[in-house]
PDB file of N, CA and C in Angstrom:
ATOM      1  N   MET A   1      -5.485  -0.854   3.347  1.00  0.00           N
ATOM      2  CA  MET A   1      -6.913  -0.756   3.521  1.00  0.00           C
ATOM      3  C   MET A   1      -7.365   0.698   3.607  1.00  0.00           C
ATOM      4  N   ILE A   2      -6.516   1.547   4.146  1.00  0.00           N
ATOM      5  CA  ILE A   2      -6.906   2.947   4.268  1.00  0.00           C
ATOM      6  C   ILE A   2      -7.163   3.551   2.889  1.00  0.00           C
ATOM      7  N   PHE A   3      -6.284   3.251   1.932  1.00  0.00           N
ATOM      8  CA  PHE A   3      -6.462   3.781   0.583  1.00  0.00           C
ATOM      9  C   PHE A   3      -7.723   3.214  -0.058  1.00  0.00           C
ATOM     10  N   GLU A   4      -8.007   1.965   0.222  1.00  0.00           N
ATOM     11  CA  GLU A   4      -9.216   1.344  -0.334  1.00  0.00           C
ATOM     12  C   GLU A   4     -10.476   2.013   0.202  1.00  0.00           C
ATOM     13  N   TRP A   5     -10.517   2.309   1.498  1.00  0.00           N
ATOM     14  CA  TRP A   5     -11.686   2.969   2.086  1.00  0.00           C
ATOM     15  C   TRP A   5     -11.832   4.393   1.553  1.00  0.00           C
ATOM     16  N   ILE A   6     -10.731   5.100   1.372  1.00  0.00           N
ATOM     17  CA  ILE A   6     -10.795   6.453   0.821  1.00  0.00           C
ATOM     18  C   ILE A   6     -11.319   6.407  -0.616  1.00  0.00           C
ATOM     19  N   ASN A   7     -10.801   5.473  -1.393  1.00  0.00           N
ATOM     20  CA  ASN A   7     -11.243   5.311  -2.774  1.00  0.00           C
ATOM     21  C   ASN A   7     -12.730   4.963  -2.825  1.00  0.00           C
ATOM     22  N   LEU A   8     -13.183   4.093  -1.958  1.00  0.00           N
ATOM     23  CA  LEU A   8     -14.598   3.738  -1.904  1.00  0.00           C
ATOM     24  C   LEU A   8     -15.444   4.957  -1.562  1.00  0.00           C
ATOM     25  N   GLY A   9     -14.986   5.777  -0.650  1.00  0.00           N
ATOM     26  CA  GLY A   9     -15.716   6.992  -0.297  1.00  0.00           C
ATOM     27  C   GLY A   9     -15.891   7.915  -1.491  1.00  0.00           C
ATOM     28  N   PHE A  10     -14.833   8.090  -2.270  1.00  0.00           N
ATOM     29  CA  PHE A  10     -14.942   8.918  -3.469  1.00  0.00           C
ATOM     30  C   PHE A  10     -15.879   8.290  -4.496  1.00  0.00           C
ATOM     31  N   ASN A  11     -15.800   6.969  -4.649  1.00  0.00           N
ATOM     32  CA  ASN A  11     -16.672   6.293  -5.611  1.00  0.00           C
ATOM     33  C   ASN A  11     -18.135   6.374  -5.202  1.00  0.00           C
ATOM     34  N   LEU A  12     -18.421   6.285  -3.926  1.00  0.00           N
ATOM     35  CA  LEU A  12     -19.801   6.352  -3.470  1.00  0.00           C
ATOM     36  C   LEU A  12     -20.378   7.756  -3.637  1.00  0.00           C
ATOM     37  N   ALA A  13     -19.551   8.766  -3.658  1.00  0.00           N
ATOM     38  CA  ALA A  13     -20.019  10.142  -3.800  1.00  0.00           C
ATOM     39  C   ALA A  13     -20.344  10.504  -5.250  1.00  0.00           C
ATOM     40  N   ASP A  14     -19.998   9.638  -6.192  1.00  0.00           N
ATOM     41  CA  ASP A  14     -20.182   9.949  -7.615  1.00  0.00           C
ATOM     42  C   ASP A  14     -21.611   9.764  -8.109  1.00  0.00           C
ATOM     43  N   GLY A  15     -22.483   9.123  -7.359  1.00  0.00           N
ATOM     44  CA  GLY A  15     -23.861   8.920  -7.789  1.00  0.00           C
ATOM     45  C   GLY A  15     -24.017   7.773  -8.767  1.00  0.00           C
ATOM     46  N   HIS A  16     -23.825   6.578  -8.315  1.00  0.00           N
ATOM     47  CA  HIS A  16     -23.920   5.370  -9.129  1.00  0.00           C
ATOM     48  C   HIS A  16     -25.313   4.760  -9.004  1.00  0.00           C
ATOM     49  N   PRO A  17     -25.612   3.751  -9.840  1.00  0.00           N
ATOM     50  CA  PRO A  17     -26.891   3.046  -9.701  1.00  0.00           C
ATOM     51  C   PRO A  17     -26.970   2.287  -8.376  1.00  0.00           C
ATOM     52  N   THR A  18     -28.166   1.920  -7.997  1.00  0.00           N
ATOM     53  CA  THR A  18     -28.393   1.260  -6.702  1.00  0.00           C
ATOM     54  C   THR A  18     -27.599  -0.031  -6.568  1.00  0.00           C
ATOM     55  N   SER A  19     -27.459  -0.780  -7.644  1.00  0.00           N
ATOM     56  CA  SER A  19     -26.732  -2.053  -7.572  1.00  0.00           C
ATOM     57  C   SER A  19     -25.287  -1.848  -7.120  1.00  0.00           C
ATOM     58  N   PHE A  20     -24.682  -0.737  -7.511  1.00  0.00           N
ATOM     59  CA  PHE A  20     -23.316  -0.428  -7.091  1.00  0.00           C
ATOM     60  C   PHE A  20     -23.247  -0.315  -5.574  1.00  0.00           C
ATOM     61  N   TYR A  21     -24.228   0.391  -4.984  1.00  0.00           N
ATOM     62  CA  TYR A  21     -24.248   0.580  -3.537  1.00  0.00           C
ATOM     63  C   TYR A  21     -24.534  -0.730  -2.808  1.00  0.00           C
ATOM     64  N   VAL A  22     -25.395  -1.559  -3.378  1.00  0.00           N
ATOM     65  CA  VAL A  22     -25.714  -2.851  -2.749  1.00  0.00           C
ATOM     66  C   VAL A  22     -24.478  -3.739  -2.728  1.00  0.00           C
ATOM     67  N   VAL A  23     -23.818  -3.852  -3.861  1.00  0.00           N
ATOM     68  CA  VAL A  23     -22.626  -4.709  -3.952  1.00  0.00           C
ATOM     69  C   VAL A  23     -21.534  -4.209  -3.013  1.00  0.00           C
ATOM     70  N   HIS A  24     -21.291  -2.911  -2.990  1.00  0.00           N
ATOM     71  CA  HIS A  24     -20.239  -2.388  -2.126  1.00  0.00           C
ATOM     72  C   HIS A  24     -20.640  -2.451  -0.659  1.00  0.00           C
ATOM     73  N   GLY A  25     -21.916  -2.331  -0.371  1.00  0.00           N
ATOM     74  CA  GLY A  25     -22.373  -2.514   1.000  1.00  0.00           C
ATOM     75  C   GLY A  25     -22.120  -3.926   1.489  1.00  0.00           C
ATOM     76  N   ILE A  26     -22.368  -4.904   0.618  1.00  0.00           N
ATOM     77  CA  ILE A  26     -22.086  -6.309   0.961  1.00  0.00           C
ATOM     78  C   ILE A  26     -20.592  -6.512   1.168  1.00  0.00           C
ATOM     79  N   LEU A  27     -19.781  -5.931   0.293  1.00  0.00           N
ATOM     80  CA  LEU A  27     -18.328  -6.065   0.430  1.00  0.00           C
ATOM     81  C   LEU A  27     -17.828  -5.446   1.740  1.00  0.00           C
ATOM     82  N   VAL A  28     -18.378  -4.311   2.114  1.00  0.00           N
ATOM     83  CA  VAL A  28     -17.990  -3.674   3.374  1.00  0.00           C
ATOM     84  C   VAL A  28     -18.392  -4.561   4.547  1.00  0.00           C
ATOM     85  N   ALA A  29     -19.599  -5.120   4.503  1.00  0.00           N
ATOM     86  CA  ALA A  29     -20.063  -5.985   5.593  1.00  0.00           C
ATOM     87  C   ALA A  29     -19.176  -7.220   5.730  1.00  0.00           C
ATOM     88  N   VAL A  30     -18.844  -7.852   4.614  1.00  0.00           N
ATOM     89  CA  VAL A  30     -17.970  -9.032   4.651  1.00  0.00           C
ATOM     90  C   VAL A  30     -16.602  -8.654   5.181  1.00  0.00           C
ATOM     91  N   ASN A  31     -16.082  -7.508   4.770  1.00  0.00           N
ATOM     92  CA  ASN A  31     -14.780  -7.039   5.239  1.00  0.00           C
ATOM     93  C   ASN A  31     -14.787  -6.836   6.749  1.00  0.00           C
ATOM     94  N   LEU A  32     -15.854  -6.238   7.274  1.00  0.00           N
ATOM     95  CA  LEU A  32     -15.941  -6.016   8.721  1.00  0.00           C
ATOM     96  C   LEU A  32     -16.056  -7.327   9.487  1.00  0.00           C
ATOM     97  N   VAL A  33     -16.831  -8.274   8.963  1.00  0.00           N
ATOM     98  CA  VAL A  33     -16.955  -9.582   9.620  1.00  0.00           C
ATOM     99  C   VAL A  33     -15.601 -10.283   9.649  1.00  0.00           C
ATOM    100  N   LEU A  34     -14.899 -10.270   8.529  1.00  0.00           N
ATOM    101  CA  LEU A  34     -13.571 -10.897   8.489  1.00  0.00           C
ATOM    102  C   LEU A  34     -12.606 -10.226   9.461  1.00  0.00           C
ATOM    103  N   ALA A  35     -12.672  -8.915   9.581  1.00  0.00           N
ATOM    104  CA  ALA A  35     -11.795  -8.201  10.512  1.00  0.00           C
ATOM    105  C   ALA A  35     -12.081  -8.622  11.947  1.00  0.00           C
ATOM    106  N   VAL A  36     -13.353  -8.757  12.299  1.00  0.00           N
ATOM    107  CA  VAL A  36     -13.707  -9.166  13.659  1.00  0.00           C
ATOM    108  C   VAL A  36     -13.250 -10.598  13.923  1.00  0.00           C
ATOM    109  N   VAL A  37     -13.484 -11.495  12.980  1.00  0.00           N
ATOM    110  CA  VAL A  37     -13.084 -12.901  13.153  1.00  0.00           C
ATOM    111  C   VAL A  37     -11.568 -13.017  13.285  1.00  0.00           C
ATOM    112  N   LEU A  38     -10.837 -12.369  12.399  1.00  0.00           N
ATOM    113  CA  LEU A  38      -9.378 -12.449  12.463  1.00  0.00           C
ATOM    114  C   LEU A  38      -8.831 -11.771  13.713  1.00  0.00           C
ATOM    115  N   GLY A  39      -9.462 -10.681  14.145  1.00  0.00           N
ATOM    116  CA  GLY A  39      -9.051 -10.031  15.384  1.00  0.00           C
ATOM    117  C   GLY A  39      -9.259 -10.934  16.583  1.00  0.00           C
ATOM    118  N   ALA A  40     -10.383 -11.650  16.615  1.00  0.00           N
ATOM    119  CA  ALA A  40     -10.655 -12.582  17.713  1.00  0.00           C
ATOM    120  C   ALA A  40      -9.647 -13.730  17.725  1.00  0.00           C
ATOM    121  N   ILE A  41      -9.329 -14.245  16.547  1.00  0.00           N
ATOM    122  CA  ILE A  41      -8.331 -15.317  16.457  1.00  0.00           C
ATOM    123  C   ILE A  41      -6.974 -14.809  16.942  1.00  0.00           C
ATOM    124  N   GLY A  42      -6.606 -13.595  16.553  1.00  0.00           N
ATOM    125  CA  GLY A  42      -5.335 -13.016  16.982  1.00  0.00           C
ATOM    126  C   GLY A  42      -5.274 -12.820  18.485  1.00  0.00           C
ATOM    127  N   LEU A  43      -6.379 -12.356  19.079  1.00  0.00           N
ATOM    128  CA  LEU A  43      -6.402 -12.175  20.528  1.00  0.00           C
ATOM    129  C   LEU A  43      -6.286 -13.507  21.266  1.00  0.00           C
ATOM    130  N   ARG A  44      -6.965 -14.533  20.768  1.00  0.00           N
ATOM    131  CA  ARG A  44      -6.860 -15.855  21.401  1.00  0.00           C
ATOM    132  C   ARG A  44      -5.441 -16.387  21.314  1.00  0.00           C
ATOM    133  N   ALA A  45      -4.793 -16.179  20.175  1.00  0.00           N
ATOM    134  CA  ALA A  45      -3.412 -16.631  20.017  1.00  0.00           C
ATOM    135  C   ALA A  45      -2.481 -15.874  20.950  1.00  0.00           C
ATOM    136  N   LEU A  46      -2.696 -14.575  21.080  1.00  0.00           N
ATOM    137  CA  LEU A  46      -1.869 -13.769  21.972  1.00  0.00           C
ATOM    138  C   LEU A  46      -2.039 -14.200  23.422  1.00  0.00           C
ATOM    139  N   ARG A  47      -3.274 -14.450  23.821  1.00  0.00           N
ATOM    140  CA  ARG A  47      -3.517 -14.930  25.184  1.00  0.00           C
ATOM    141  C   ARG A  47      -2.882 -16.300  25.411  1.00  0.00           C
ATOM    142  N   GLY A  48      -2.933 -17.146  24.403  1.00  0.00           N
ATOM    143  CA  GLY A  48      -2.310 -18.464  24.517  1.00  0.00           C
ATOM    144  C   GLY A  48      -0.806 -18.365  24.693  1.00  0.00           C
ATOM    145  N   LEU A  49      -0.181 -17.448  23.997  1.00  0.00           N
ATOM    146  CA  LEU A  49       1.268 -17.255  24.145  1.00  0.00           C
ATOM    147  C   LEU A  49       1.627 -16.743  25.533  1.00  0.00           C
ATOM    148  N   ARG A  50       0.798 -15.834  26.042  1.00  0.00           N
ATOM    149  CA  ARG A  50       1.069 -15.301  27.374  1.00  0.00           C
ATOM    150  C   ARG A  50       0.908 -16.368  28.451  1.00  0.00           C
ATOM    151  N   GLU A  51      -0.080 -17.233  28.294  1.00  0.00           N
ATOM    152  CA  GLU A  51      -0.287 -18.301  29.276  1.00  0.00           C
ATOM    153  C   GLU A  51       0.798 -19.365  29.198  1.00  0.00           C
ATOM    154  N   ALA A  52       1.368 -19.570  28.028  1.00  0.00           N
ATOM    155  CA  ALA A  52       2.419 -20.567  27.860  1.00  0.00           C
ATOM    156  C   ALA A  52       3.706 -20.134  28.538  1.00  0.00           C
ATOM    157  N   ARG A  53       3.895 -18.856  28.721  1.00  0.00           N
ATOM    158  CA  ARG A  53       5.111 -18.358  29.361  1.00  0.00           C
ATOM    159  C   ARG A  53       4.956 -18.529  30.816  1.00  0.00           C
TER     160      ARG A  53
END
């Protein structure tokens, strides 16, 4: 993911049409939402394992 974010940063600096920024903005938002959801699921699973012990 680090390489993807760096690549996106370089692509955004090139001066593309507005649609490029809109689409990539949506992709970034979806990526962040998925990261939060998966992080929450992981934390719940970790807490469940600790309570089971």
